[in-house]
N, C-alpha and C. Protein backbone atom coordinates (compact mmCIF):
# COMPACT_ATOMS: atom_id res chain seq x y z
N UNK A 1 94.82 125.90 -7.06
CA UNK A 1 96.20 126.23 -6.72
C UNK A 1 97.06 125.02 -7.10
N UNK A 2 98.02 125.26 -7.98
CA UNK A 2 98.93 124.17 -8.31
C UNK A 2 100.36 124.67 -8.18
N UNK A 3 101.25 123.78 -7.89
CA UNK A 3 102.64 124.13 -7.69
C UNK A 3 103.09 123.72 -6.31
N UNK A 4 104.37 123.62 -6.18
CA UNK A 4 104.96 123.18 -4.92
C UNK A 4 105.91 124.25 -4.42
N UNK A 5 105.85 124.49 -3.13
CA UNK A 5 106.78 125.43 -2.51
C UNK A 5 107.71 124.67 -1.58
N UNK A 6 108.83 125.31 -1.26
CA UNK A 6 109.81 124.73 -0.34
C UNK A 6 110.01 125.69 0.82
N UNK A 7 110.35 125.13 1.98
CA UNK A 7 110.49 125.92 3.21
C UNK A 7 111.97 125.98 3.60
N UNK A 8 112.43 127.19 3.91
CA UNK A 8 113.80 127.41 4.37
C UNK A 8 113.77 128.25 5.64
N UNK A 9 114.70 127.98 6.54
CA UNK A 9 114.84 128.76 7.77
C UNK A 9 116.28 129.21 7.91
N UNK A 10 116.48 130.25 8.70
CA UNK A 10 117.82 130.79 8.92
C UNK A 10 118.54 129.99 10.00
N UNK A 11 119.71 129.49 9.65
CA UNK A 11 120.57 128.77 10.58
C UNK A 11 121.62 129.75 11.09
N UNK A 12 121.56 130.05 12.38
CA UNK A 12 122.49 131.00 12.99
C UNK A 12 123.76 130.32 13.47
N UNK A 13 123.82 129.01 13.33
CA UNK A 13 124.98 128.26 13.81
C UNK A 13 124.77 127.76 15.22
N UNK A 14 125.52 126.77 15.58
CA UNK A 14 125.47 126.19 16.92
C UNK A 14 124.06 125.75 17.32
N UNK A 15 123.29 125.28 16.32
CA UNK A 15 121.95 124.78 16.60
C UNK A 15 120.90 125.83 16.82
N UNK A 16 121.23 127.08 16.57
CA UNK A 16 120.27 128.17 16.77
C UNK A 16 119.58 128.53 15.47
N UNK A 17 118.30 128.89 15.56
CA UNK A 17 117.51 129.34 14.42
C UNK A 17 116.99 130.74 14.71
N UNK A 18 116.82 131.51 13.66
CA UNK A 18 116.11 132.78 13.83
C UNK A 18 114.63 132.50 13.66
N UNK A 19 113.80 133.52 13.76
CA UNK A 19 112.37 133.32 13.57
C UNK A 19 111.96 133.56 12.12
N UNK A 20 112.93 133.84 11.23
CA UNK A 20 112.61 134.08 9.82
C UNK A 20 112.54 132.77 9.05
N UNK A 21 111.42 132.59 8.37
CA UNK A 21 111.19 131.43 7.53
C UNK A 21 110.75 131.94 6.17
N UNK A 22 111.30 131.35 5.12
CA UNK A 22 110.91 131.72 3.77
C UNK A 22 110.34 130.50 3.06
N UNK A 23 109.27 130.73 2.34
CA UNK A 23 108.68 129.73 1.46
C UNK A 23 108.92 130.21 0.04
N UNK A 24 109.49 129.36 -0.79
CA UNK A 24 109.84 129.75 -2.16
C UNK A 24 109.30 128.76 -3.16
N UNK A 25 109.02 129.28 -4.36
CA UNK A 25 108.58 128.41 -5.45
C UNK A 25 109.77 127.92 -6.26
N UNK A 26 110.93 128.59 -6.15
CA UNK A 26 112.15 128.19 -6.84
C UNK A 26 113.34 128.71 -6.04
N UNK A 27 114.44 127.97 -6.06
CA UNK A 27 115.61 128.36 -5.27
C UNK A 27 116.12 129.76 -5.59
N UNK A 28 116.03 130.15 -6.86
CA UNK A 28 116.54 131.48 -7.22
C UNK A 28 115.74 132.61 -6.59
N UNK A 29 114.58 132.31 -6.04
CA UNK A 29 113.78 133.32 -5.35
C UNK A 29 114.18 133.51 -3.89
N UNK A 30 115.01 132.63 -3.37
CA UNK A 30 115.46 132.75 -1.98
C UNK A 30 116.41 133.93 -1.87
N UNK A 31 116.15 134.87 -0.97
CA UNK A 31 117.04 136.03 -0.85
C UNK A 31 118.41 135.63 -0.31
N UNK A 32 119.38 136.48 -0.51
CA UNK A 32 120.71 136.23 0.05
C UNK A 32 120.60 136.21 1.57
N UNK A 33 121.32 135.30 2.22
CA UNK A 33 121.26 135.26 3.68
C UNK A 33 121.96 136.48 4.29
N UNK A 34 121.59 136.77 5.50
CA UNK A 34 122.27 137.85 6.22
C UNK A 34 123.69 137.40 6.54
N UNK A 35 124.61 138.32 6.80
CA UNK A 35 125.99 137.93 7.12
C UNK A 35 126.03 136.97 8.31
N UNK A 36 126.78 135.90 8.16
CA UNK A 36 126.93 134.93 9.23
C UNK A 36 125.80 133.94 9.36
N UNK A 37 124.85 133.99 8.44
CA UNK A 37 123.66 133.14 8.49
C UNK A 37 123.62 132.28 7.23
N UNK A 38 123.12 131.07 7.37
CA UNK A 38 122.95 130.19 6.23
C UNK A 38 121.49 129.75 6.15
N UNK A 39 121.03 129.54 4.93
CA UNK A 39 119.69 128.98 4.75
C UNK A 39 119.76 127.47 4.86
N UNK A 40 118.79 126.90 5.53
CA UNK A 40 118.64 125.45 5.63
C UNK A 40 117.24 125.08 5.16
N UNK A 41 117.17 124.07 4.32
CA UNK A 41 115.86 123.62 3.86
C UNK A 41 115.24 122.68 4.87
N UNK A 42 113.97 122.86 5.11
CA UNK A 42 113.22 121.95 5.96
C UNK A 42 112.78 120.79 5.07
N UNK A 43 113.57 119.73 5.06
CA UNK A 43 113.29 118.60 4.18
C UNK A 43 112.08 117.79 4.64
N UNK A 44 111.60 118.04 5.84
CA UNK A 44 110.41 117.36 6.35
C UNK A 44 109.12 118.09 5.99
N UNK A 45 109.23 119.30 5.46
CA UNK A 45 108.07 120.12 5.14
C UNK A 45 107.26 119.50 4.01
N UNK A 46 105.96 119.39 4.23
CA UNK A 46 105.02 118.91 3.22
C UNK A 46 103.88 119.92 3.15
N UNK A 47 103.77 120.59 2.02
CA UNK A 47 102.80 121.67 1.91
C UNK A 47 101.38 121.19 2.13
N UNK A 48 101.02 120.01 1.63
CA UNK A 48 99.66 119.50 1.82
C UNK A 48 99.35 119.32 3.31
N UNK A 49 100.30 118.78 4.05
CA UNK A 49 100.10 118.58 5.49
C UNK A 49 99.97 119.91 6.21
N UNK A 50 100.76 120.90 5.80
CA UNK A 50 100.69 122.23 6.43
C UNK A 50 99.32 122.87 6.19
N UNK A 51 98.77 122.68 4.99
CA UNK A 51 97.45 123.23 4.69
C UNK A 51 96.38 122.50 5.50
N UNK A 52 96.53 121.19 5.65
CA UNK A 52 95.56 120.42 6.44
C UNK A 52 95.57 120.87 7.90
N UNK A 53 96.74 121.20 8.44
CA UNK A 53 96.84 121.65 9.83
C UNK A 53 96.26 123.04 10.02
N UNK A 54 96.42 123.89 8.99
CA UNK A 54 95.95 125.27 9.09
C UNK A 54 95.46 125.72 7.72
N UNK A 55 94.16 125.81 7.57
CA UNK A 55 93.60 126.22 6.29
C UNK A 55 94.12 127.58 5.84
N UNK A 56 94.43 128.45 6.79
CA UNK A 56 94.94 129.78 6.42
C UNK A 56 96.33 129.71 5.79
N UNK A 57 97.03 128.59 5.98
CA UNK A 57 98.35 128.44 5.36
C UNK A 57 98.25 128.42 3.84
N UNK A 58 97.09 128.11 3.31
CA UNK A 58 96.89 128.14 1.85
C UNK A 58 97.20 129.52 1.29
N UNK A 59 96.97 130.57 2.07
CA UNK A 59 97.29 131.94 1.62
C UNK A 59 98.80 132.12 1.48
N UNK A 60 99.57 131.49 2.37
CA UNK A 60 101.03 131.55 2.27
C UNK A 60 101.49 130.86 1.00
N UNK A 61 100.91 129.70 0.71
CA UNK A 61 101.25 128.96 -0.51
C UNK A 61 100.90 129.79 -1.74
N UNK A 62 99.72 130.36 -1.76
CA UNK A 62 99.30 131.19 -2.90
C UNK A 62 100.25 132.36 -3.11
N UNK A 63 100.66 133.02 -2.04
CA UNK A 63 101.57 134.16 -2.15
C UNK A 63 102.94 133.72 -2.66
N UNK A 64 103.43 132.60 -2.16
CA UNK A 64 104.74 132.11 -2.61
C UNK A 64 104.71 131.73 -4.08
N UNK A 65 103.62 131.13 -4.52
CA UNK A 65 103.51 130.76 -5.93
C UNK A 65 103.34 131.99 -6.81
N UNK A 66 102.60 132.97 -6.34
CA UNK A 66 102.37 134.19 -7.11
C UNK A 66 103.60 135.08 -7.17
N UNK A 67 104.25 135.27 -5.99
CA UNK A 67 105.35 136.23 -5.89
C UNK A 67 106.73 135.58 -5.94
N UNK A 68 106.77 134.26 -5.86
CA UNK A 68 108.06 133.56 -5.89
C UNK A 68 108.64 133.28 -4.52
N UNK A 69 108.32 134.15 -3.56
CA UNK A 69 108.86 133.99 -2.20
C UNK A 69 107.95 134.73 -1.22
N UNK A 70 107.85 134.18 -0.02
CA UNK A 70 107.12 134.87 1.04
C UNK A 70 107.86 134.58 2.36
N UNK A 71 107.97 135.61 3.18
CA UNK A 71 108.62 135.50 4.48
C UNK A 71 107.54 135.52 5.55
N UNK A 72 107.67 134.62 6.52
CA UNK A 72 106.73 134.58 7.63
C UNK A 72 107.48 134.37 8.93
N UNK A 73 106.82 134.70 10.02
CA UNK A 73 107.35 134.38 11.33
C UNK A 73 107.29 132.87 11.49
N UNK A 74 108.28 132.27 12.13
CA UNK A 74 108.35 130.81 12.24
C UNK A 74 107.15 130.19 12.96
N UNK A 75 106.39 130.99 13.68
CA UNK A 75 105.23 130.44 14.38
C UNK A 75 104.08 130.13 13.42
N UNK A 76 104.16 130.65 12.20
CA UNK A 76 103.10 130.45 11.21
C UNK A 76 103.49 129.32 10.27
N UNK A 77 102.70 128.31 10.20
CA UNK A 77 102.91 127.21 9.25
C UNK A 77 104.15 126.39 9.52
N UNK A 78 104.63 126.41 10.74
CA UNK A 78 105.85 125.66 11.04
C UNK A 78 105.57 124.23 11.37
């Protein structure tokens, strides 16, 4: 598996987050945000560390690299 993905979460404003998290292989793969919502990049996200914490997270990385984007519940790979 080669390639790097980036993690984005929905910013609802006023410090609130939704439970939707997207992992993308390129910015153009990030879907349009819902009305009133903005995407924020998790600049602290490190894919290697996420895989080390949870071996099953490698499947999320593979899907994001294959499909360009994958949506997960924030409890997974956060």
